[in-house]
Amino acid sequence: MTDMRTAAMDHLWLHFAQVPSEGPVLIERGDGCYVWDTEGKKYLDALAGLFVTEIGHGRSDLANAASKQAETMAYFPVWGMAHPPAAALAAKLAQL
């Protein structure tokens, strides 16, 4: 793991934290609202991936749905045009 820590120190700009001399904490995996580092220490992901979503890590149901959608179109903003998944979600949210 030293090689990954060195690569992170040399090539990543971790602009929200002061990086200790031994290198940054390396987050290895997530499950629900928690993440674990390469040393096995558990952290609450209080930022929820910052700018992503708060649905939790390791959600195979969501990964499968995203994979299926990405086969057609990965992302398209609804700024001036619409697409069927956005319209269907909007209708469902309005109903709720």
N, C-alpha and C. Protein backbone atom coordinates (compact mmCIF):
# COMPACT_ATOMS: atom_id res chain seq x y z
N MET A 1 0.81 -1.19 0.00
CA MET A 1 0.00 0.00 0.00
C MET A 1 0.86 1.26 0.00
N THR A 2 2.12 1.12 0.31
CA THR A 2 3.03 2.28 0.30
C THR A 2 3.10 2.91 -1.08
N ASP A 3 3.09 2.09 -2.14
CA ASP A 3 3.14 2.64 -3.49
C ASP A 3 1.92 3.51 -3.78
N MET A 4 0.74 3.07 -3.34
CA MET A 4 -0.47 3.86 -3.56
C MET A 4 -0.43 5.14 -2.74
N ARG A 5 0.07 5.06 -1.52
CA ARG A 5 0.17 6.25 -0.68
C ARG A 5 1.15 7.25 -1.30
N THR A 6 2.27 6.75 -1.83
CA THR A 6 3.24 7.62 -2.50
C THR A 6 2.63 8.24 -3.75
N ALA A 7 1.91 7.44 -4.53
CA ALA A 7 1.26 7.96 -5.72
C ALA A 7 0.26 9.05 -5.35
N ALA A 8 -0.48 8.84 -4.27
CA ALA A 8 -1.45 9.84 -3.82
C ALA A 8 -0.73 11.12 -3.40
N MET A 9 0.36 10.98 -2.67
CA MET A 9 1.11 12.16 -2.23
C MET A 9 1.68 12.93 -3.42
N ASP A 10 2.17 12.20 -4.41
CA ASP A 10 2.83 12.83 -5.55
C ASP A 10 1.87 13.40 -6.59
N HIS A 11 0.67 12.84 -6.69
CA HIS A 11 -0.18 13.18 -7.83
C HIS A 11 -1.58 13.67 -7.51
N LEU A 12 -2.01 13.62 -6.26
CA LEU A 12 -3.34 14.11 -5.91
C LEU A 12 -3.24 15.42 -5.16
N TRP A 13 -4.17 16.30 -5.43
CA TRP A 13 -4.26 17.56 -4.70
C TRP A 13 -5.38 17.43 -3.69
N LEU A 14 -5.02 17.13 -2.46
CA LEU A 14 -6.01 16.95 -1.39
C LEU A 14 -6.23 18.29 -0.72
N HIS A 15 -7.00 19.14 -1.38
CA HIS A 15 -7.10 20.54 -1.00
C HIS A 15 -7.95 20.83 0.23
N PHE A 16 -8.58 19.83 0.85
CA PHE A 16 -9.37 20.07 2.05
C PHE A 16 -8.66 19.60 3.32
N ALA A 17 -7.45 19.10 3.21
CA ALA A 17 -6.78 18.55 4.38
C ALA A 17 -5.28 18.75 4.30
N GLN A 18 -4.67 18.88 5.46
CA GLN A 18 -3.22 18.86 5.52
C GLN A 18 -2.80 17.40 5.52
N VAL A 19 -1.97 17.03 4.59
CA VAL A 19 -1.56 15.63 4.46
C VAL A 19 -0.37 15.37 5.38
N PRO A 20 -0.47 14.37 6.25
CA PRO A 20 0.66 14.05 7.13
C PRO A 20 1.86 13.57 6.32
N SER A 21 3.02 13.63 6.92
CA SER A 21 4.25 13.28 6.21
C SER A 21 4.26 11.83 5.72
N GLU A 22 3.52 10.95 6.39
CA GLU A 22 3.47 9.55 5.94
C GLU A 22 2.48 9.34 4.79
N GLY A 23 1.79 10.40 4.40
CA GLY A 23 0.87 10.31 3.28
C GLY A 23 -0.58 10.35 3.73
N PRO A 24 -1.49 10.45 2.77
CA PRO A 24 -2.91 10.56 3.10
C PRO A 24 -3.52 9.24 3.53
N VAL A 25 -4.64 9.34 4.20
CA VAL A 25 -5.45 8.15 4.50
C VAL A 25 -6.00 7.66 3.17
N LEU A 26 -5.91 6.37 2.91
CA LEU A 26 -6.44 5.79 1.67
C LEU A 26 -7.74 5.06 1.98
N ILE A 27 -8.84 5.57 1.46
CA ILE A 27 -10.14 4.94 1.64
C ILE A 27 -10.28 3.84 0.61
N GLU A 28 -10.58 2.64 1.09
CA GLU A 28 -10.56 1.44 0.24
C GLU A 28 -11.95 0.99 -0.20
N ARG A 29 -12.94 1.12 0.69
CA ARG A 29 -14.26 0.61 0.34
C ARG A 29 -15.32 1.32 1.17
N GLY A 30 -16.56 1.15 0.75
CA GLY A 30 -17.67 1.73 1.48
C GLY A 30 -18.82 0.76 1.56
N ASP A 31 -19.64 0.93 2.58
CA ASP A 31 -20.84 0.12 2.76
C ASP A 31 -21.84 0.97 3.52
N GLY A 32 -22.98 1.27 2.90
CA GLY A 32 -23.94 2.14 3.55
C GLY A 32 -23.36 3.51 3.77
N CYS A 33 -23.43 4.01 4.99
CA CYS A 33 -22.94 5.35 5.29
C CYS A 33 -21.51 5.33 5.84
N TYR A 34 -20.82 4.21 5.72
CA TYR A 34 -19.46 4.10 6.25
C TYR A 34 -18.46 3.79 5.15
N VAL A 35 -17.21 4.21 5.36
CA VAL A 35 -16.09 3.86 4.51
C VAL A 35 -14.98 3.32 5.39
N TRP A 36 -14.09 2.51 4.82
CA TRP A 36 -12.96 1.94 5.54
C TRP A 36 -11.68 2.29 4.81
N ASP A 37 -10.64 2.54 5.60
CA ASP A 37 -9.34 2.80 4.98
C ASP A 37 -8.58 1.49 4.79
N THR A 38 -7.42 1.58 4.19
CA THR A 38 -6.63 0.39 3.88
C THR A 38 -6.07 -0.28 5.11
N GLU A 39 -6.18 0.38 6.26
CA GLU A 39 -5.73 -0.20 7.53
C GLU A 39 -6.89 -0.84 8.29
N GLY A 40 -8.10 -0.77 7.71
CA GLY A 40 -9.27 -1.37 8.34
C GLY A 40 -10.05 -0.45 9.27
N LYS A 41 -9.63 0.81 9.38
CA LYS A 41 -10.34 1.76 10.25
C LYS A 41 -11.62 2.22 9.57
N LYS A 42 -12.71 2.26 10.34
CA LYS A 42 -14.04 2.62 9.85
C LYS A 42 -14.31 4.10 10.11
N TYR A 43 -14.90 4.78 9.10
CA TYR A 43 -15.24 6.20 9.21
C TYR A 43 -16.70 6.39 8.79
N LEU A 44 -17.39 7.31 9.42
CA LEU A 44 -18.71 7.73 8.95
C LEU A 44 -18.48 8.66 7.77
N ASP A 45 -19.07 8.37 6.63
CA ASP A 45 -18.93 9.21 5.45
C ASP A 45 -19.90 10.38 5.58
N ALA A 46 -19.57 11.30 6.47
CA ALA A 46 -20.46 12.42 6.77
C ALA A 46 -20.61 13.37 5.59
N LEU A 47 -19.68 13.37 4.65
CA LEU A 47 -19.81 14.19 3.45
C LEU A 47 -20.56 13.48 2.35
N ALA A 48 -20.80 12.20 2.50
CA ALA A 48 -21.52 11.39 1.51
C ALA A 48 -20.93 11.56 0.12
N GLY A 49 -19.62 11.50 0.01
CA GLY A 49 -18.99 11.60 -1.29
C GLY A 49 -18.96 13.03 -1.82
N LEU A 50 -19.39 14.00 -1.06
CA LEU A 50 -19.40 15.41 -1.42
C LEU A 50 -19.78 15.65 -2.87
N PHE A 51 -20.91 16.19 -3.10
CA PHE A 51 -21.47 16.51 -4.42
C PHE A 51 -21.99 15.30 -5.16
N VAL A 52 -22.10 14.18 -4.51
CA VAL A 52 -22.61 12.99 -5.19
C VAL A 52 -24.03 12.74 -4.70
N THR A 53 -24.19 11.89 -3.73
CA THR A 53 -25.52 11.58 -3.21
C THR A 53 -25.38 10.91 -1.85
N GLU A 54 -26.46 10.87 -1.12
CA GLU A 54 -26.44 10.27 0.21
C GLU A 54 -27.24 8.97 0.24
N ILE A 55 -27.03 8.11 -0.72
CA ILE A 55 -27.76 6.85 -0.79
C ILE A 55 -26.97 5.69 -0.23
N GLY A 56 -25.72 5.93 0.13
CA GLY A 56 -24.90 4.88 0.71
C GLY A 56 -24.01 4.20 -0.31
N HIS A 57 -22.99 3.57 0.19
CA HIS A 57 -22.03 2.84 -0.64
C HIS A 57 -22.43 1.38 -0.75
N GLY A 58 -21.95 0.72 -1.78
CA GLY A 58 -22.13 -0.72 -1.90
C GLY A 58 -23.55 -1.14 -2.23
N ARG A 59 -24.32 -0.27 -2.85
CA ARG A 59 -25.71 -0.57 -3.19
C ARG A 59 -25.76 -1.26 -4.55
N SER A 60 -25.75 -2.60 -4.55
CA SER A 60 -25.74 -3.34 -5.82
C SER A 60 -27.01 -3.07 -6.63
N ASP A 61 -28.14 -2.85 -5.96
CA ASP A 61 -29.37 -2.55 -6.70
C ASP A 61 -29.23 -1.26 -7.51
N LEU A 62 -28.59 -0.24 -6.91
CA LEU A 62 -28.40 1.01 -7.63
C LEU A 62 -27.30 0.90 -8.67
N ALA A 63 -26.26 0.14 -8.39
CA ALA A 63 -25.20 -0.06 -9.39
C ALA A 63 -25.75 -0.77 -10.62
N ASN A 64 -26.61 -1.75 -10.40
CA ASN A 64 -27.22 -2.46 -11.53
C ASN A 64 -28.13 -1.53 -12.33
N ALA A 65 -28.91 -0.70 -11.65
CA ALA A 65 -29.79 0.24 -12.36
C ALA A 65 -28.97 1.25 -13.14
N ALA A 66 -27.89 1.75 -12.55
CA ALA A 66 -27.03 2.71 -13.25
C ALA A 66 -26.35 2.07 -14.45
N SER A 67 -25.91 0.83 -14.29
CA SER A 67 -25.28 0.11 -15.39
C SER A 67 -26.25 -0.06 -16.55
N LYS A 68 -27.47 -0.45 -16.23
CA LYS A 68 -28.49 -0.62 -17.27
C LYS A 68 -28.76 0.69 -17.99
N GLN A 69 -28.89 1.79 -17.23
CA GLN A 69 -29.13 3.09 -17.84
C GLN A 69 -27.94 3.53 -18.68
N ALA A 70 -26.72 3.29 -18.21
CA ALA A 70 -25.52 3.72 -18.93
C ALA A 70 -25.37 3.03 -20.28
N GLU A 71 -25.99 1.86 -20.45
CA GLU A 71 -25.95 1.19 -21.75
C GLU A 71 -26.67 2.01 -22.81
N THR A 72 -27.64 2.83 -22.40
CA THR A 72 -28.38 3.68 -23.31
C THR A 72 -27.81 5.09 -23.34
N MET A 73 -27.65 5.68 -22.16
CA MET A 73 -27.14 7.04 -22.04
C MET A 73 -26.68 7.22 -20.60
N ALA A 74 -25.42 7.59 -20.41
CA ALA A 74 -24.88 7.70 -19.07
C ALA A 74 -25.39 8.94 -18.34
N TYR A 75 -25.39 10.07 -19.01
CA TYR A 75 -25.78 11.31 -18.35
C TYR A 75 -26.17 12.32 -19.40
N PHE A 76 -27.20 13.07 -19.11
CA PHE A 76 -27.59 14.19 -19.95
C PHE A 76 -28.39 15.15 -19.07
N PRO A 77 -27.97 16.41 -18.97
CA PRO A 77 -28.67 17.36 -18.10
C PRO A 77 -30.03 17.74 -18.68
N VAL A 78 -30.93 18.10 -17.79
CA VAL A 78 -32.27 18.53 -18.23
C VAL A 78 -32.36 20.06 -18.18
N TRP A 79 -31.41 20.72 -18.80
CA TRP A 79 -31.38 22.18 -18.79
C TRP A 79 -32.28 22.76 -19.87
N GLY A 80 -32.36 22.14 -21.02
CA GLY A 80 -33.19 22.67 -22.08
C GLY A 80 -33.90 21.58 -22.85
N MET A 81 -33.57 20.35 -22.54
CA MET A 81 -34.17 19.18 -23.17
C MET A 81 -34.50 18.18 -22.07
N ALA A 82 -35.32 17.21 -22.39
CA ALA A 82 -35.69 16.19 -21.40
C ALA A 82 -35.33 14.81 -21.94
N HIS A 83 -35.43 13.82 -21.09
CA HIS A 83 -35.25 12.42 -21.51
C HIS A 83 -36.19 11.56 -20.68
N PRO A 84 -36.55 10.39 -21.18
CA PRO A 84 -37.56 9.55 -20.52
C PRO A 84 -37.29 9.26 -19.04
N PRO A 85 -36.06 8.89 -18.63
CA PRO A 85 -35.87 8.62 -17.19
C PRO A 85 -36.15 9.84 -16.32
N ALA A 86 -35.77 11.03 -16.79
CA ALA A 86 -36.02 12.24 -16.00
C ALA A 86 -37.51 12.52 -15.92
N ALA A 87 -38.22 12.36 -17.02
CA ALA A 87 -39.66 12.60 -17.04
C ALA A 87 -40.38 11.60 -16.13
N ALA A 88 -39.98 10.34 -16.19
CA ALA A 88 -40.62 9.32 -15.35
C ALA A 88 -40.36 9.59 -13.87
N LEU A 89 -39.14 9.97 -13.53
CA LEU A 89 -38.84 10.29 -12.13
C LEU A 89 -39.62 11.51 -11.67
N ALA A 90 -39.70 12.54 -12.49
CA ALA A 90 -40.45 13.74 -12.11
C ALA A 90 -41.91 13.42 -11.86
N ALA A 91 -42.49 12.58 -12.72
CA ALA A 91 -43.89 12.20 -12.54
C ALA A 91 -44.09 11.41 -11.25
N LYS A 92 -43.14 10.50 -10.96
CA LYS A 92 -43.23 9.71 -9.74
C LYS A 92 -43.10 10.59 -8.49
N LEU A 93 -42.17 11.53 -8.52
CA LEU A 93 -41.99 12.44 -7.39
C LEU A 93 -43.22 13.30 -7.19
N ALA A 94 -43.80 13.78 -8.28
CA ALA A 94 -45.02 14.60 -8.17
C ALA A 94 -46.16 13.80 -7.56
N GLN A 95 -46.23 12.53 -7.92
CA GLN A 95 -47.30 11.65 -7.38
C GLN A 95 -47.12 11.45 -5.88
N LEU A 96 -45.89 11.31 -5.44
CA LEU A 96 -45.61 11.10 -4.02
C LEU A 96 -45.92 12.35 -3.22
